[in-house]
């Protein structure tokens, strides 16, 4: 099952058929950012400081899980 985590004001999505580098989307009412799985840096878009802190706290211990799911969703034949 794809990782799709919902917080109070935003959600985290890993999408299939997505582009490299491995990342996830953080979607809120007023922002949308792509966050690198490797180092949790913002690749593109905007995000509030508060949301980024919550994302980092959640994703910090899930690197292997996030990478495994990103690879599963984005396997190329």
N, C-alpha and C. Protein backbone atom coordinates (compact mmCIF):
# COMPACT_ATOMS: atom_id res chain seq x y z
N UNK A 1 0.84 -1.19 0.00
CA UNK A 1 0.00 0.00 0.00
C UNK A 1 0.88 1.24 0.00
N UNK A 2 0.58 2.22 -0.86
CA UNK A 2 1.37 3.45 -0.88
C UNK A 2 1.29 4.19 0.45
N UNK A 3 2.36 4.88 0.75
CA UNK A 3 2.36 5.70 1.96
C UNK A 3 1.57 6.96 1.67
N UNK A 4 0.58 7.23 2.48
CA UNK A 4 -0.26 8.41 2.36
C UNK A 4 -0.61 8.80 3.78
N UNK A 5 0.16 9.71 4.35
CA UNK A 5 0.03 10.10 5.75
C UNK A 5 -0.67 11.45 5.83
N UNK A 6 -1.68 11.55 6.68
CA UNK A 6 -2.42 12.79 6.85
C UNK A 6 -2.13 13.39 8.22
N UNK A 7 -1.80 14.66 8.22
CA UNK A 7 -1.62 15.44 9.44
C UNK A 7 -2.82 16.37 9.57
N UNK A 8 -2.85 17.22 10.57
CA UNK A 8 -3.98 18.13 10.74
C UNK A 8 -4.18 19.07 9.55
N UNK A 9 -3.07 19.65 9.06
CA UNK A 9 -3.19 20.67 8.03
C UNK A 9 -2.57 20.30 6.68
N UNK A 10 -2.07 19.09 6.54
CA UNK A 10 -1.46 18.69 5.28
C UNK A 10 -1.35 17.18 5.20
N UNK A 11 -0.93 16.69 4.03
CA UNK A 11 -0.74 15.25 3.87
C UNK A 11 0.56 14.98 3.11
N UNK A 12 1.09 13.78 3.33
CA UNK A 12 2.29 13.32 2.64
C UNK A 12 1.87 12.22 1.68
N UNK A 13 2.36 12.30 0.45
CA UNK A 13 2.03 11.31 -0.58
C UNK A 13 3.29 10.82 -1.27
N UNK A 14 3.38 9.54 -1.50
CA UNK A 14 4.35 8.96 -2.41
C UNK A 14 3.55 8.54 -3.63
N UNK A 15 3.98 8.97 -4.80
CA UNK A 15 3.20 8.74 -6.01
C UNK A 15 3.90 7.77 -6.94
N UNK A 16 3.10 7.02 -7.68
CA UNK A 16 3.66 6.09 -8.66
C UNK A 16 4.01 6.84 -9.94
N UNK A 17 4.94 6.24 -10.69
CA UNK A 17 5.39 6.81 -11.96
C UNK A 17 5.90 8.22 -11.78
N UNK A 18 6.58 8.47 -10.69
CA UNK A 18 7.12 9.79 -10.39
C UNK A 18 8.56 9.87 -10.90
N UNK A 19 9.10 11.03 -10.93
CA UNK A 19 10.45 11.27 -11.45
C UNK A 19 11.50 11.20 -10.34
N UNK A 20 12.74 11.00 -10.75
CA UNK A 20 13.87 11.02 -9.81
C UNK A 20 14.21 12.48 -9.50
N UNK A 21 14.85 12.73 -8.38
CA UNK A 21 15.32 11.81 -7.35
C UNK A 21 14.15 11.36 -6.46
N UNK A 22 14.36 10.28 -5.72
CA UNK A 22 13.30 9.79 -4.82
C UNK A 22 12.83 10.89 -3.87
N UNK A 23 11.54 11.08 -3.83
CA UNK A 23 10.97 12.16 -3.02
C UNK A 23 9.52 11.83 -2.68
N UNK A 24 8.95 12.65 -1.82
CA UNK A 24 7.52 12.58 -1.54
C UNK A 24 6.95 13.98 -1.63
N UNK A 25 5.64 14.04 -1.77
CA UNK A 25 4.93 15.31 -1.88
C UNK A 25 4.31 15.64 -0.53
N UNK A 26 4.37 16.91 -0.17
CA UNK A 26 3.68 17.42 1.01
C UNK A 26 2.67 18.43 0.49
N UNK A 27 1.39 18.14 0.71
CA UNK A 27 0.33 18.97 0.15
C UNK A 27 -0.51 19.55 1.28
N UNK A 28 -0.55 20.88 1.32
CA UNK A 28 -1.36 21.58 2.31
C UNK A 28 -2.34 22.50 1.60
N UNK A 29 -3.14 23.22 2.37
CA UNK A 29 -4.14 24.10 1.74
C UNK A 29 -3.51 25.23 0.94
N UNK A 30 -2.32 25.69 1.35
CA UNK A 30 -1.67 26.82 0.69
C UNK A 30 -0.27 26.50 0.19
N UNK A 31 0.10 25.24 0.16
CA UNK A 31 1.44 24.89 -0.29
C UNK A 31 1.48 23.48 -0.86
N UNK A 32 2.53 23.23 -1.63
CA UNK A 32 2.81 21.91 -2.18
C UNK A 32 4.32 21.87 -2.39
N UNK A 33 4.98 20.93 -1.74
CA UNK A 33 6.43 20.83 -1.84
C UNK A 33 6.84 19.40 -2.11
N UNK A 34 7.97 19.25 -2.79
CA UNK A 34 8.59 17.94 -3.00
C UNK A 34 9.79 17.87 -2.06
N UNK A 35 9.83 16.81 -1.25
CA UNK A 35 10.88 16.64 -0.25
C UNK A 35 11.71 15.42 -0.60
N UNK A 36 13.03 15.60 -0.68
CA UNK A 36 13.93 14.49 -0.99
C UNK A 36 13.94 13.49 0.16
N UNK A 37 13.82 12.22 -0.16
CA UNK A 37 13.85 11.19 0.87
C UNK A 37 15.25 11.10 1.49
N UNK A 38 16.27 11.26 0.66
CA UNK A 38 17.65 11.09 1.11
C UNK A 38 18.01 12.01 2.28
N UNK A 39 17.70 13.31 2.15
CA UNK A 39 18.14 14.25 3.18
C UNK A 39 17.04 15.19 3.68
N UNK A 40 15.81 14.95 3.25
CA UNK A 40 14.63 15.72 3.67
C UNK A 40 14.72 17.20 3.32
N UNK A 41 15.44 17.50 2.24
CA UNK A 41 15.54 18.87 1.76
C UNK A 41 14.40 19.15 0.79
N UNK A 42 13.96 20.40 0.74
CA UNK A 42 12.91 20.80 -0.20
C UNK A 42 13.53 20.86 -1.60
N UNK A 43 12.98 20.05 -2.50
CA UNK A 43 13.46 20.04 -3.88
C UNK A 43 12.76 21.10 -4.72
N UNK A 44 11.48 21.29 -4.45
CA UNK A 44 10.68 22.21 -5.25
C UNK A 44 9.44 22.60 -4.46
N UNK A 45 8.94 23.77 -4.72
CA UNK A 45 7.70 24.21 -4.11
C UNK A 45 7.92 24.99 -2.83
N UNK A 46 6.83 25.16 -2.11
CA UNK A 46 6.88 25.90 -0.85
C UNK A 46 6.23 25.06 0.25
N UNK A 47 6.65 25.34 1.48
CA UNK A 47 6.11 24.66 2.64
C UNK A 47 6.34 25.55 3.85
N UNK A 48 5.44 25.52 4.79
CA UNK A 48 5.63 26.32 6.00
C UNK A 48 6.72 25.68 6.88
N UNK A 49 7.32 26.49 7.71
CA UNK A 49 8.35 25.97 8.63
C UNK A 49 7.76 24.93 9.57
N UNK A 50 6.57 25.20 10.05
CA UNK A 50 5.93 24.27 10.98
C UNK A 50 5.67 22.91 10.30
N UNK A 51 5.14 22.95 9.09
CA UNK A 51 4.87 21.71 8.37
C UNK A 51 6.18 20.97 8.08
N UNK A 52 7.23 21.69 7.69
CA UNK A 52 8.51 21.04 7.41
C UNK A 52 9.07 20.39 8.67
N UNK A 53 8.91 21.03 9.81
CA UNK A 53 9.38 20.44 11.06
C UNK A 53 8.60 19.16 11.38
N UNK A 54 7.30 19.17 11.16
CA UNK A 54 6.49 17.96 11.40
C UNK A 54 6.87 16.85 10.42
N UNK A 55 7.10 17.20 9.18
CA UNK A 55 7.50 16.23 8.16
C UNK A 55 8.84 15.61 8.53
N UNK A 56 9.80 16.45 8.92
CA UNK A 56 11.13 15.94 9.29
C UNK A 56 11.05 15.02 10.50
N UNK A 57 10.22 15.36 11.47
CA UNK A 57 10.08 14.51 12.66
C UNK A 57 9.46 13.16 12.28
N UNK A 58 8.48 13.17 11.40
CA UNK A 58 7.83 11.93 10.98
C UNK A 58 8.73 11.09 10.08
N UNK A 59 9.36 11.72 9.10
CA UNK A 59 10.13 10.99 8.10
C UNK A 59 11.54 10.63 8.57
N UNK A 60 12.03 11.29 9.58
CA UNK A 60 13.40 11.09 10.02
C UNK A 60 13.78 9.65 10.30
N UNK A 61 12.92 8.88 10.88
CA UNK A 61 13.21 7.49 11.19
C UNK A 61 12.64 6.50 10.19
N UNK A 62 12.17 7.00 9.05
CA UNK A 62 11.50 6.13 8.08
C UNK A 62 12.21 6.09 6.72
N UNK A 63 13.47 6.44 6.68
CA UNK A 63 14.19 6.51 5.42
C UNK A 63 14.07 5.20 4.63
N UNK A 64 14.38 4.07 5.26
CA UNK A 64 14.35 2.79 4.55
C UNK A 64 12.95 2.45 4.05
N UNK A 65 11.95 2.69 4.88
CA UNK A 65 10.57 2.42 4.49
C UNK A 65 10.15 3.30 3.32
N UNK A 66 10.49 4.58 3.37
CA UNK A 66 10.14 5.51 2.30
C UNK A 66 10.85 5.13 0.99
N UNK A 67 12.13 4.80 1.08
CA UNK A 67 12.87 4.42 -0.13
C UNK A 67 12.31 3.14 -0.74
N UNK A 68 12.01 2.16 0.10
CA UNK A 68 11.46 0.90 -0.41
C UNK A 68 10.13 1.14 -1.11
N UNK A 69 9.30 1.96 -0.54
CA UNK A 69 8.00 2.23 -1.15
C UNK A 69 8.16 3.05 -2.43
N UNK A 70 9.06 4.03 -2.43
CA UNK A 70 9.29 4.81 -3.65
C UNK A 70 9.77 3.91 -4.78
N UNK A 71 10.69 3.00 -4.47
CA UNK A 71 11.19 2.07 -5.49
C UNK A 71 10.07 1.17 -6.00
N UNK A 72 9.24 0.66 -5.08
CA UNK A 72 8.14 -0.21 -5.49
C UNK A 72 7.17 0.51 -6.42
N UNK A 73 6.84 1.74 -6.08
CA UNK A 73 5.89 2.51 -6.87
C UNK A 73 6.46 2.99 -8.20
N UNK A 74 7.78 3.05 -8.28
CA UNK A 74 8.40 3.65 -9.46
C UNK A 74 9.32 2.71 -10.21
N UNK A 75 9.08 1.41 -10.08
CA UNK A 75 9.85 0.43 -10.84
C UNK A 75 9.66 0.70 -12.32
N UNK A 76 10.76 0.64 -13.03
CA UNK A 76 10.70 0.79 -14.49
C UNK A 76 10.97 -0.56 -15.12
N UNK A 77 10.16 -0.93 -16.08
CA UNK A 77 10.35 -2.21 -16.79
C UNK A 77 11.48 -2.11 -17.79
